[in-house]
Amino acid sequence: MKYLIFSDLHGSAKAAEFIANKFVDEKCDMMICLGDVLYHGPRNDLPEYYSPKQVIQILNPFADKIICIQGNCDAEVDQMVLNFKFYKSKNMLINGKKCHLEHGHHLDMYTNKPNVVLFGHTHIPMLEFDAATLYLNPGSITISKNKTLESYILWDKNKITLFDIKDNILKEVSL
């Protein structure tokens, strides 16, 4: 299966449209959102094209294709307007790999032994091995930090590619 993985949308309609278009154009099977969907949070500036209501309209049609982790900026009321479920964290198989998904602000709390850990929160893209575990962070699709561009990940079968929003390959790995 082909997965589009993103995080930290923070209510940007422009970023939500980018994700929806990328999902369709790349013929992906599923989206994985690693949290912070609608609200920009008290420590972030208001993102460009901030419109949570538009984000709802853009993402809800994909509800049966979205696996979403609750971020530190996601509130209970957000779940009332989104047609897809927030998970606190989730363990699942992705293309045959045992994966742990979470937002990342409690990254030290997982206890299973996954092949891959997917997280967001830092707004800094990452694709790194530590012993037998691969750590994936798509960065933020809206508010990049640490002098990086906004970014996302495509995971197609055994190939994982980290892209910036200009579709430059930042890193790639085969499992």
N, C-alpha and C. Protein backbone atom coordinates (compact mmCIF):
# COMPACT_ATOMS: atom_id res chain seq x y z
N MET A 1 0.83 -1.19 0.00
CA MET A 1 0.00 0.00 0.00
C MET A 1 0.87 1.25 0.00
N LYS A 2 0.29 2.32 -0.46
CA LYS A 2 1.00 3.59 -0.52
C LYS A 2 0.37 4.56 0.48
N TYR A 3 1.21 5.08 1.38
CA TYR A 3 0.77 5.97 2.44
C TYR A 3 1.35 7.37 2.24
N LEU A 4 0.52 8.38 2.47
CA LEU A 4 0.96 9.76 2.53
C LEU A 4 0.97 10.13 4.01
N ILE A 5 2.13 10.53 4.52
CA ILE A 5 2.30 10.79 5.95
C ILE A 5 2.64 12.27 6.15
N PHE A 6 1.87 12.93 7.01
CA PHE A 6 2.11 14.34 7.27
C PHE A 6 1.79 14.65 8.72
N SER A 7 2.19 15.83 9.16
CA SER A 7 1.93 16.23 10.54
C SER A 7 1.85 17.75 10.63
N ASP A 8 1.27 18.19 11.72
CA ASP A 8 1.29 19.60 12.10
C ASP A 8 0.74 20.51 11.01
N LEU A 9 -0.49 20.24 10.63
CA LEU A 9 -1.23 21.02 9.64
C LEU A 9 -1.64 22.38 10.23
N HIS A 10 -1.98 22.40 11.49
CA HIS A 10 -2.27 23.63 12.24
C HIS A 10 -3.27 24.55 11.56
N GLY A 11 -4.31 23.99 10.95
CA GLY A 11 -5.41 24.78 10.43
C GLY A 11 -5.17 25.49 9.11
N SER A 12 -4.11 25.16 8.40
CA SER A 12 -3.82 25.82 7.12
C SER A 12 -4.60 25.17 5.98
N ALA A 13 -5.51 25.92 5.39
CA ALA A 13 -6.29 25.41 4.25
C ALA A 13 -5.37 25.15 3.05
N LYS A 14 -4.38 25.99 2.86
CA LYS A 14 -3.44 25.80 1.74
C LYS A 14 -2.69 24.47 1.89
N ALA A 15 -2.23 24.18 3.09
CA ALA A 15 -1.52 22.91 3.32
C ALA A 15 -2.47 21.72 3.19
N ALA A 16 -3.71 21.87 3.66
CA ALA A 16 -4.69 20.79 3.54
C ALA A 16 -4.98 20.50 2.07
N GLU A 17 -5.11 21.55 1.25
CA GLU A 17 -5.32 21.35 -0.19
C GLU A 17 -4.11 20.65 -0.82
N PHE A 18 -2.92 21.04 -0.41
CA PHE A 18 -1.71 20.40 -0.92
C PHE A 18 -1.75 18.89 -0.62
N ILE A 19 -2.08 18.55 0.63
CA ILE A 19 -2.14 17.14 1.04
C ILE A 19 -3.21 16.40 0.26
N ALA A 20 -4.39 16.97 0.14
CA ALA A 20 -5.49 16.30 -0.59
C ALA A 20 -5.09 16.08 -2.05
N ASN A 21 -4.52 17.08 -2.68
CA ASN A 21 -4.08 16.94 -4.08
C ASN A 21 -2.95 15.92 -4.22
N LYS A 22 -2.01 15.93 -3.31
CA LYS A 22 -0.89 14.99 -3.35
C LYS A 22 -1.41 13.56 -3.18
N PHE A 23 -2.36 13.38 -2.28
CA PHE A 23 -2.95 12.07 -2.05
C PHE A 23 -3.57 11.52 -3.33
N VAL A 24 -4.32 12.34 -4.03
CA VAL A 24 -4.98 11.93 -5.27
C VAL A 24 -3.95 11.74 -6.39
N ASP A 25 -3.07 12.73 -6.57
CA ASP A 25 -2.09 12.68 -7.66
C ASP A 25 -1.15 11.48 -7.54
N GLU A 26 -0.77 11.14 -6.32
CA GLU A 26 0.17 10.03 -6.09
C GLU A 26 -0.54 8.68 -6.01
N LYS A 27 -1.86 8.71 -6.12
CA LYS A 27 -2.68 7.48 -6.03
C LYS A 27 -2.38 6.71 -4.74
N CYS A 28 -2.41 7.42 -3.63
CA CYS A 28 -2.16 6.81 -2.34
C CYS A 28 -3.40 6.05 -1.87
N ASP A 29 -3.15 5.08 -1.00
CA ASP A 29 -4.23 4.28 -0.43
C ASP A 29 -4.73 4.85 0.90
N MET A 30 -3.81 5.40 1.69
CA MET A 30 -4.14 5.91 3.03
C MET A 30 -3.32 7.15 3.34
N MET A 31 -3.88 7.99 4.22
CA MET A 31 -3.17 9.13 4.80
C MET A 31 -2.93 8.82 6.26
N ILE A 32 -1.76 9.20 6.74
CA ILE A 32 -1.49 9.16 8.17
C ILE A 32 -1.17 10.59 8.59
N CYS A 33 -1.99 11.12 9.49
CA CYS A 33 -1.75 12.44 10.05
C CYS A 33 -1.26 12.23 11.49
N LEU A 34 -0.12 12.80 11.80
CA LEU A 34 0.49 12.60 13.11
C LEU A 34 0.19 13.74 14.08
N GLY A 35 -0.96 14.40 13.87
CA GLY A 35 -1.47 15.33 14.87
C GLY A 35 -1.39 16.79 14.52
N ASP A 36 -2.06 17.58 15.35
CA ASP A 36 -2.18 19.03 15.24
C ASP A 36 -2.83 19.41 13.91
N VAL A 37 -4.12 19.10 13.83
CA VAL A 37 -4.89 19.25 12.59
C VAL A 37 -5.45 20.66 12.42
N LEU A 38 -6.23 21.15 13.40
CA LEU A 38 -7.00 22.38 13.17
C LEU A 38 -6.44 23.63 13.86
N TYR A 39 -5.89 23.51 15.04
CA TYR A 39 -5.51 24.67 15.82
C TYR A 39 -4.01 24.95 15.69
N HIS A 40 -3.64 26.22 15.66
CA HIS A 40 -2.22 26.59 15.48
C HIS A 40 -1.42 26.53 16.76
N GLY A 41 -2.04 26.54 17.90
CA GLY A 41 -1.35 26.44 19.18
C GLY A 41 -0.83 27.79 19.67
N PRO A 42 -0.65 27.93 20.96
CA PRO A 42 -0.26 29.21 21.54
C PRO A 42 1.20 29.61 21.27
N ARG A 43 2.05 28.66 20.90
CA ARG A 43 3.46 28.98 20.67
C ARG A 43 3.78 29.24 19.20
N ASN A 44 2.83 29.00 18.32
CA ASN A 44 3.05 29.20 16.89
C ASN A 44 2.36 30.47 16.41
N ASP A 45 2.98 31.13 15.45
CA ASP A 45 2.29 32.24 14.79
C ASP A 45 1.13 31.68 13.99
N LEU A 46 0.16 32.53 13.70
CA LEU A 46 -0.97 32.14 12.88
C LEU A 46 -0.45 31.74 11.50
N PRO A 47 -0.71 30.51 11.06
CA PRO A 47 -0.19 30.08 9.76
C PRO A 47 -0.86 30.81 8.59
N GLU A 48 -0.15 30.86 7.49
CA GLU A 48 -0.71 31.41 6.27
C GLU A 48 -1.94 30.59 5.88
N TYR A 49 -2.98 31.26 5.43
CA TYR A 49 -4.23 30.62 5.01
C TYR A 49 -4.89 29.85 6.15
N TYR A 50 -4.78 30.38 7.37
CA TYR A 50 -5.39 29.74 8.54
C TYR A 50 -6.91 29.75 8.39
N SER A 51 -7.49 28.58 8.27
CA SER A 51 -8.93 28.45 8.14
C SER A 51 -9.35 27.04 8.54
N PRO A 52 -9.48 26.79 9.85
CA PRO A 52 -9.87 25.46 10.30
C PRO A 52 -11.15 24.94 9.65
N LYS A 53 -12.12 25.82 9.40
CA LYS A 53 -13.37 25.37 8.78
C LYS A 53 -13.12 24.84 7.37
N GLN A 54 -12.22 25.47 6.63
CA GLN A 54 -11.88 24.96 5.29
C GLN A 54 -11.13 23.64 5.39
N VAL A 55 -10.26 23.52 6.38
CA VAL A 55 -9.52 22.26 6.57
C VAL A 55 -10.50 21.12 6.81
N ILE A 56 -11.51 21.37 7.61
CA ILE A 56 -12.54 20.36 7.88
C ILE A 56 -13.19 19.93 6.56
N GLN A 57 -13.57 20.90 5.74
CA GLN A 57 -14.22 20.60 4.46
C GLN A 57 -13.30 19.85 3.50
N ILE A 58 -12.00 20.14 3.56
CA ILE A 58 -11.05 19.49 2.67
C ILE A 58 -10.77 18.05 3.11
N LEU A 59 -10.60 17.83 4.41
CA LEU A 59 -10.21 16.50 4.89
C LEU A 59 -11.37 15.54 5.11
N ASN A 60 -12.52 16.02 5.51
CA ASN A 60 -13.64 15.11 5.82
C ASN A 60 -14.02 14.17 4.67
N PRO A 61 -13.96 14.58 3.40
CA PRO A 61 -14.28 13.63 2.33
C PRO A 61 -13.33 12.43 2.26
N PHE A 62 -12.16 12.55 2.89
CA PHE A 62 -11.17 11.46 2.91
C PHE A 62 -11.24 10.66 4.21
N ALA A 63 -12.28 10.85 5.01
CA ALA A 63 -12.35 10.29 6.36
C ALA A 63 -12.06 8.80 6.42
N ASP A 64 -12.52 8.03 5.45
CA ASP A 64 -12.29 6.58 5.48
C ASP A 64 -10.87 6.22 5.04
N LYS A 65 -10.07 7.21 4.68
CA LYS A 65 -8.69 6.99 4.23
C LYS A 65 -7.67 7.61 5.17
N ILE A 66 -8.13 8.15 6.32
CA ILE A 66 -7.24 8.87 7.24
C ILE A 66 -7.10 8.12 8.55
N ILE A 67 -5.86 7.91 8.95
CA ILE A 67 -5.52 7.47 10.29
C ILE A 67 -4.91 8.70 10.95
N CYS A 68 -5.49 9.17 12.05
CA CYS A 68 -5.06 10.43 12.65
C CYS A 68 -4.72 10.25 14.12
N ILE A 69 -3.55 10.73 14.49
CA ILE A 69 -3.09 10.73 15.87
C ILE A 69 -3.40 12.10 16.48
N GLN A 70 -3.84 12.11 17.71
CA GLN A 70 -4.16 13.37 18.37
C GLN A 70 -2.87 14.07 18.80
N GLY A 71 -2.74 15.32 18.38
CA GLY A 71 -1.57 16.12 18.77
C GLY A 71 -1.84 16.94 20.01
N ASN A 72 -0.82 17.62 20.49
CA ASN A 72 -0.97 18.43 21.69
C ASN A 72 -1.85 19.66 21.46
N CYS A 73 -2.08 20.05 20.21
CA CYS A 73 -2.97 21.18 19.89
C CYS A 73 -4.37 20.73 19.49
N ASP A 74 -4.62 19.44 19.46
CA ASP A 74 -5.94 18.92 19.07
C ASP A 74 -6.82 18.79 20.31
N ALA A 75 -8.02 19.34 20.23
CA ALA A 75 -8.94 19.35 21.37
C ALA A 75 -10.11 18.39 21.13
N GLU A 76 -10.80 18.09 22.20
CA GLU A 76 -11.96 17.21 22.13
C GLU A 76 -13.01 17.77 21.17
N VAL A 77 -13.17 19.08 21.14
CA VAL A 77 -14.16 19.70 20.26
C VAL A 77 -13.80 19.48 18.78
N ASP A 78 -12.52 19.36 18.47
CA ASP A 78 -12.10 19.10 17.09
C ASP A 78 -12.67 17.78 16.59
N GLN A 79 -12.72 16.80 17.48
CA GLN A 79 -13.23 15.49 17.10
C GLN A 79 -14.71 15.55 16.74
N MET A 80 -15.40 16.55 17.24
CA MET A 80 -16.84 16.70 16.95
C MET A 80 -17.09 17.15 15.52
N VAL A 81 -16.12 17.80 14.87
CA VAL A 81 -16.33 18.33 13.52
C VAL A 81 -15.59 17.54 12.45
N LEU A 82 -14.69 16.68 12.87
CA LEU A 82 -13.94 15.85 11.92
C LEU A 82 -14.60 14.48 11.83
N ASN A 83 -14.70 13.94 10.65
CA ASN A 83 -15.36 12.64 10.44
C ASN A 83 -14.41 11.46 10.57
N PHE A 84 -13.22 11.71 11.04
CA PHE A 84 -12.27 10.62 11.29
C PHE A 84 -11.83 10.69 12.74
N LYS A 85 -11.44 9.55 13.27
CA LYS A 85 -11.14 9.40 14.69
C LYS A 85 -9.70 9.84 15.01
N PHE A 86 -9.54 10.47 16.17
CA PHE A 86 -8.21 10.73 16.73
C PHE A 86 -7.81 9.54 17.59
N TYR A 87 -6.60 9.06 17.43
CA TYR A 87 -6.03 8.05 18.32
C TYR A 87 -4.98 8.74 19.17
N LYS A 88 -4.89 8.37 20.44
CA LYS A 88 -3.82 8.92 21.29
C LYS A 88 -2.47 8.47 20.75
N SER A 89 -2.39 7.22 20.42
CA SER A 89 -1.24 6.61 19.73
C SER A 89 -1.80 5.36 19.07
N LYS A 90 -1.02 4.75 18.21
CA LYS A 90 -1.53 3.57 17.52
C LYS A 90 -0.36 2.67 17.13
N ASN A 91 -0.53 1.39 17.36
CA ASN A 91 0.40 0.38 16.87
C ASN A 91 -0.29 -0.33 15.71
N MET A 92 0.43 -0.47 14.62
CA MET A 92 -0.17 -1.10 13.45
C MET A 92 0.93 -1.61 12.51
N LEU A 93 0.53 -2.49 11.61
CA LEU A 93 1.43 -2.93 10.55
C LEU A 93 1.27 -1.99 9.36
N ILE A 94 2.39 -1.52 8.85
CA ILE A 94 2.40 -0.73 7.62
C ILE A 94 3.35 -1.44 6.67
N ASN A 95 2.80 -1.90 5.57
CA ASN A 95 3.60 -2.63 4.57
C ASN A 95 4.48 -3.70 5.21
N GLY A 96 3.88 -4.43 6.15
CA GLY A 96 4.56 -5.56 6.79
C GLY A 96 5.51 -5.18 7.92
N LYS A 97 5.60 -3.91 8.26
CA LYS A 97 6.50 -3.45 9.33
C LYS A 97 5.68 -3.08 10.56
N LYS A 98 6.15 -3.52 11.73
CA LYS A 98 5.51 -3.19 12.99
C LYS A 98 5.82 -1.73 13.32
N CYS A 99 4.76 -0.91 13.40
CA CYS A 99 4.93 0.54 13.55
C CYS A 99 4.22 1.06 14.79
N HIS A 100 4.80 2.08 15.36
CA HIS A 100 4.19 2.83 16.46
C HIS A 100 4.00 4.26 15.98
N LEU A 101 2.75 4.77 16.08
CA LEU A 101 2.41 6.12 15.65
C LEU A 101 2.02 6.95 16.86
N GLU A 102 2.58 8.15 16.95
CA GLU A 102 2.17 9.09 17.99
C GLU A 102 2.54 10.50 17.56
N HIS A 103 2.07 11.48 18.32
CA HIS A 103 2.37 12.85 17.94
C HIS A 103 3.83 13.19 18.21
N GLY A 104 4.35 12.77 19.34
CA GLY A 104 5.77 12.98 19.61
C GLY A 104 6.06 13.76 20.87
N HIS A 105 5.08 14.40 21.46
CA HIS A 105 5.34 15.15 22.69
C HIS A 105 5.45 14.22 23.91
N HIS A 106 5.17 12.93 23.73
CA HIS A 106 5.39 11.91 24.75
C HIS A 106 6.13 10.72 24.14
N LEU A 107 7.07 11.00 23.29
CA LEU A 107 7.75 9.96 22.51
C LEU A 107 8.44 8.92 23.38
N ASP A 108 8.87 9.29 24.55
CA ASP A 108 9.59 8.36 25.41
C ASP A 108 8.69 7.36 26.13
N MET A 109 7.38 7.41 25.88
CA MET A 109 6.45 6.57 26.63
C MET A 109 6.03 5.29 25.93
N TYR A 110 6.43 5.06 24.67
CA TYR A 110 6.00 3.83 24.03
C TYR A 110 6.82 2.66 24.56
N THR A 111 6.21 1.48 24.61
CA THR A 111 6.87 0.34 25.25
C THR A 111 7.05 -0.86 24.32
N ASN A 112 6.42 -0.84 23.17
CA ASN A 112 6.58 -1.98 22.27
C ASN A 112 7.92 -1.88 21.56
N LYS A 113 8.27 -2.86 20.81
CA LYS A 113 9.53 -2.88 20.07
C LYS A 113 9.22 -2.80 18.58
N PRO A 114 8.90 -1.61 18.09
CA PRO A 114 8.51 -1.48 16.69
C PRO A 114 9.72 -1.47 15.76
N ASN A 115 9.47 -1.77 14.49
CA ASN A 115 10.48 -1.58 13.46
C ASN A 115 10.59 -0.11 13.10
N VAL A 116 9.44 0.60 13.18
CA VAL A 116 9.37 1.99 12.76
C VAL A 116 8.55 2.79 13.78
N VAL A 117 9.04 3.97 14.14
CA VAL A 117 8.31 4.92 14.98
C VAL A 117 8.03 6.14 14.13
N LEU A 118 6.75 6.49 13.99
CA LEU A 118 6.34 7.67 13.24
C LEU A 118 5.82 8.71 14.22
N PHE A 119 6.34 9.92 14.12
CA PHE A 119 5.92 10.99 15.02
C PHE A 119 6.08 12.34 14.34
N GLY A 120 5.43 13.34 14.90
CA GLY A 120 5.51 14.71 14.40
C GLY A 120 6.00 15.62 15.50
N HIS A 121 5.26 16.67 15.80
CA HIS A 121 5.44 17.59 16.91
C HIS A 121 6.62 18.55 16.78
N THR A 122 7.77 18.10 16.37
CA THR A 122 8.96 18.97 16.37
C THR A 122 8.99 19.93 15.19
N HIS A 123 8.24 19.64 14.14
CA HIS A 123 8.21 20.43 12.90
C HIS A 123 9.54 20.34 12.15
N ILE A 124 10.34 19.34 12.49
CA ILE A 124 11.64 19.14 11.86
C ILE A 124 11.65 17.75 11.21
N PRO A 125 11.82 17.68 9.88
CA PRO A 125 11.80 16.37 9.22
C PRO A 125 12.97 15.49 9.65
N MET A 126 12.67 14.18 9.72
CA MET A 126 13.69 13.23 10.18
C MET A 126 13.41 11.86 9.61
N LEU A 127 14.44 11.18 9.19
CA LEU A 127 14.36 9.80 8.72
C LEU A 127 15.70 9.19 9.12
N GLU A 128 15.73 8.54 10.30
CA GLU A 128 17.00 8.05 10.86
C GLU A 128 16.82 6.70 11.54
N PHE A 129 17.85 5.87 11.43
CA PHE A 129 17.89 4.59 12.13
C PHE A 129 18.58 4.76 13.47
N ASP A 130 18.07 4.06 14.48
CA ASP A 130 18.71 3.96 15.78
C ASP A 130 18.64 2.48 16.15
N ALA A 131 19.76 1.79 16.05
CA ALA A 131 19.80 0.34 16.25
C ALA A 131 18.87 -0.31 15.23
N ALA A 132 17.83 -1.01 15.68
CA ALA A 132 16.94 -1.73 14.75
C ALA A 132 15.66 -0.96 14.46
N THR A 133 15.56 0.28 14.92
CA THR A 133 14.33 1.06 14.75
C THR A 133 14.56 2.23 13.81
N LEU A 134 13.61 2.44 12.91
CA LEU A 134 13.63 3.60 12.02
C LEU A 134 12.69 4.65 12.60
N TYR A 135 13.19 5.86 12.77
CA TYR A 135 12.39 6.98 13.27
C TYR A 135 12.05 7.88 12.10
N LEU A 136 10.72 8.11 11.91
CA LEU A 136 10.23 8.95 10.82
C LEU A 136 9.46 10.13 11.39
N ASN A 137 9.84 11.32 10.96
CA ASN A 137 9.09 12.52 11.28
C ASN A 137 8.94 13.29 9.98
N PRO A 138 7.72 13.47 9.51
CA PRO A 138 7.54 14.18 8.24
C PRO A 138 7.79 15.68 8.34
N GLY A 139 8.11 16.18 9.54
CA GLY A 139 8.21 17.62 9.73
C GLY A 139 6.81 18.20 9.76
N SER A 140 6.69 19.48 9.50
CA SER A 140 5.38 20.12 9.44
C SER A 140 5.04 20.46 8.01
N ILE A 141 3.81 20.21 7.63
CA ILE A 141 3.34 20.57 6.30
C ILE A 141 2.94 22.05 6.26
N THR A 142 2.97 22.74 7.42
CA THR A 142 2.52 24.13 7.51
C THR A 142 3.56 25.08 8.10
N ILE A 143 4.10 24.75 9.27
CA ILE A 143 5.00 25.65 9.99
C ILE A 143 6.33 24.93 10.19
N SER A 144 7.25 25.12 9.26
CA SER A 144 8.53 24.43 9.37
C SER A 144 9.43 25.16 10.37
N LYS A 145 10.34 24.40 10.94
CA LYS A 145 11.29 24.96 11.91
C LYS A 145 12.70 24.48 11.57
N ASN A 146 13.67 25.09 12.20
CA ASN A 146 15.07 24.72 12.04
C ASN A 146 15.56 24.90 10.60
N LYS A 147 15.06 25.96 9.95
CA LYS A 147 15.47 26.33 8.59
C LYS A 147 15.19 25.23 7.56
N THR A 148 14.09 24.50 7.76
CA THR A 148 13.68 23.50 6.79
C THR A 148 12.43 23.99 6.08
N LEU A 149 12.15 23.43 4.90
CA LEU A 149 10.89 23.70 4.22
C LEU A 149 9.81 22.78 4.78
N GLU A 150 8.56 23.14 4.54
CA GLU A 150 7.46 22.26 4.89
C GLU A 150 7.68 20.92 4.17
N SER A 151 7.24 19.83 4.78
CA SER A 151 7.61 18.52 4.24
C SER A 151 6.57 17.45 4.57
N TYR A 152 6.73 16.30 3.92
CA TYR A 152 5.82 15.15 4.07
C TYR A 152 6.58 13.90 3.65
N ILE A 153 5.96 12.75 3.87
CA ILE A 153 6.58 11.46 3.54
C ILE A 153 5.62 10.65 2.66
N LEU A 154 6.17 9.96 1.68
CA LEU A 154 5.45 8.92 0.94
C LEU A 154 6.11 7.58 1.28
N TRP A 155 5.28 6.61 1.70
CA TRP A 155 5.77 5.26 1.99
C TRP A 155 5.05 4.33 1.03
N ASP A 156 5.78 3.84 0.04
CA ASP A 156 5.23 2.97 -0.99
C ASP A 156 5.92 1.62 -0.90
N LYS A 157 5.19 0.61 -0.45
CA LYS A 157 5.71 -0.74 -0.25
C LYS A 157 6.93 -0.69 0.65
N ASN A 158 8.15 -0.93 0.13
CA ASN A 158 9.33 -0.94 0.98
C ASN A 158 10.18 0.32 0.84
N LYS A 159 9.68 1.32 0.15
CA LYS A 159 10.44 2.55 -0.08
C LYS A 159 9.78 3.73 0.65
N ILE A 160 10.58 4.40 1.48
CA ILE A 160 10.11 5.55 2.24
C ILE A 160 10.89 6.77 1.76
N THR A 161 10.16 7.82 1.35
CA THR A 161 10.80 9.02 0.82
C THR A 161 10.27 10.24 1.54
N LEU A 162 11.20 11.05 2.02
CA LEU A 162 10.89 12.31 2.68
C LEU A 162 11.07 13.43 1.65
N PHE A 163 10.00 14.19 1.43
CA PHE A 163 10.00 15.27 0.44
C PHE A 163 9.76 16.61 1.12
N ASP A 164 10.29 17.68 0.52
CA ASP A 164 9.82 19.00 0.91
C ASP A 164 8.64 19.36 -0.01
N ILE A 165 7.98 20.49 0.26
CA ILE A 165 6.78 20.81 -0.52
C ILE A 165 7.08 21.21 -1.95
N LYS A 166 8.34 21.36 -2.29
CA LYS A 166 8.72 21.60 -3.68
C LYS A 166 9.05 20.29 -4.38
N ASP A 167 8.74 19.18 -3.72
CA ASP A 167 8.95 17.82 -4.20
C ASP A 167 10.41 17.44 -4.38
N ASN A 168 11.30 18.12 -3.65
CA ASN A 168 12.69 17.70 -3.59
C ASN A 168 12.82 16.55 -2.62
N ILE A 169 13.57 15.53 -2.98
CA ILE A 169 13.81 14.40 -2.07
C ILE A 169 14.84 14.84 -1.04
N LEU A 170 14.44 14.77 0.24
CA LEU A 170 15.34 15.12 1.33
C LEU A 170 16.11 13.90 1.81
N LYS A 171 15.42 12.77 1.84
CA LYS A 171 16.02 11.52 2.26
C LYS A 171 15.16 10.37 1.77
N GLU A 172 15.79 9.22 1.60
CA GLU A 172 15.07 8.06 1.11
C GLU A 172 15.70 6.81 1.71
N VAL A 173 14.86 5.82 2.01
CA VAL A 173 15.36 4.55 2.53
C VAL A 173 14.48 3.43 2.01
N SER A 174 15.10 2.28 1.79
CA SER A 174 14.36 1.07 1.44
C SER A 174 14.43 0.11 2.61
N LEU A 175 13.30 -0.50 2.94
CA LEU A 175 13.25 -1.47 4.05
C LEU A 175 13.17 -2.88 3.51
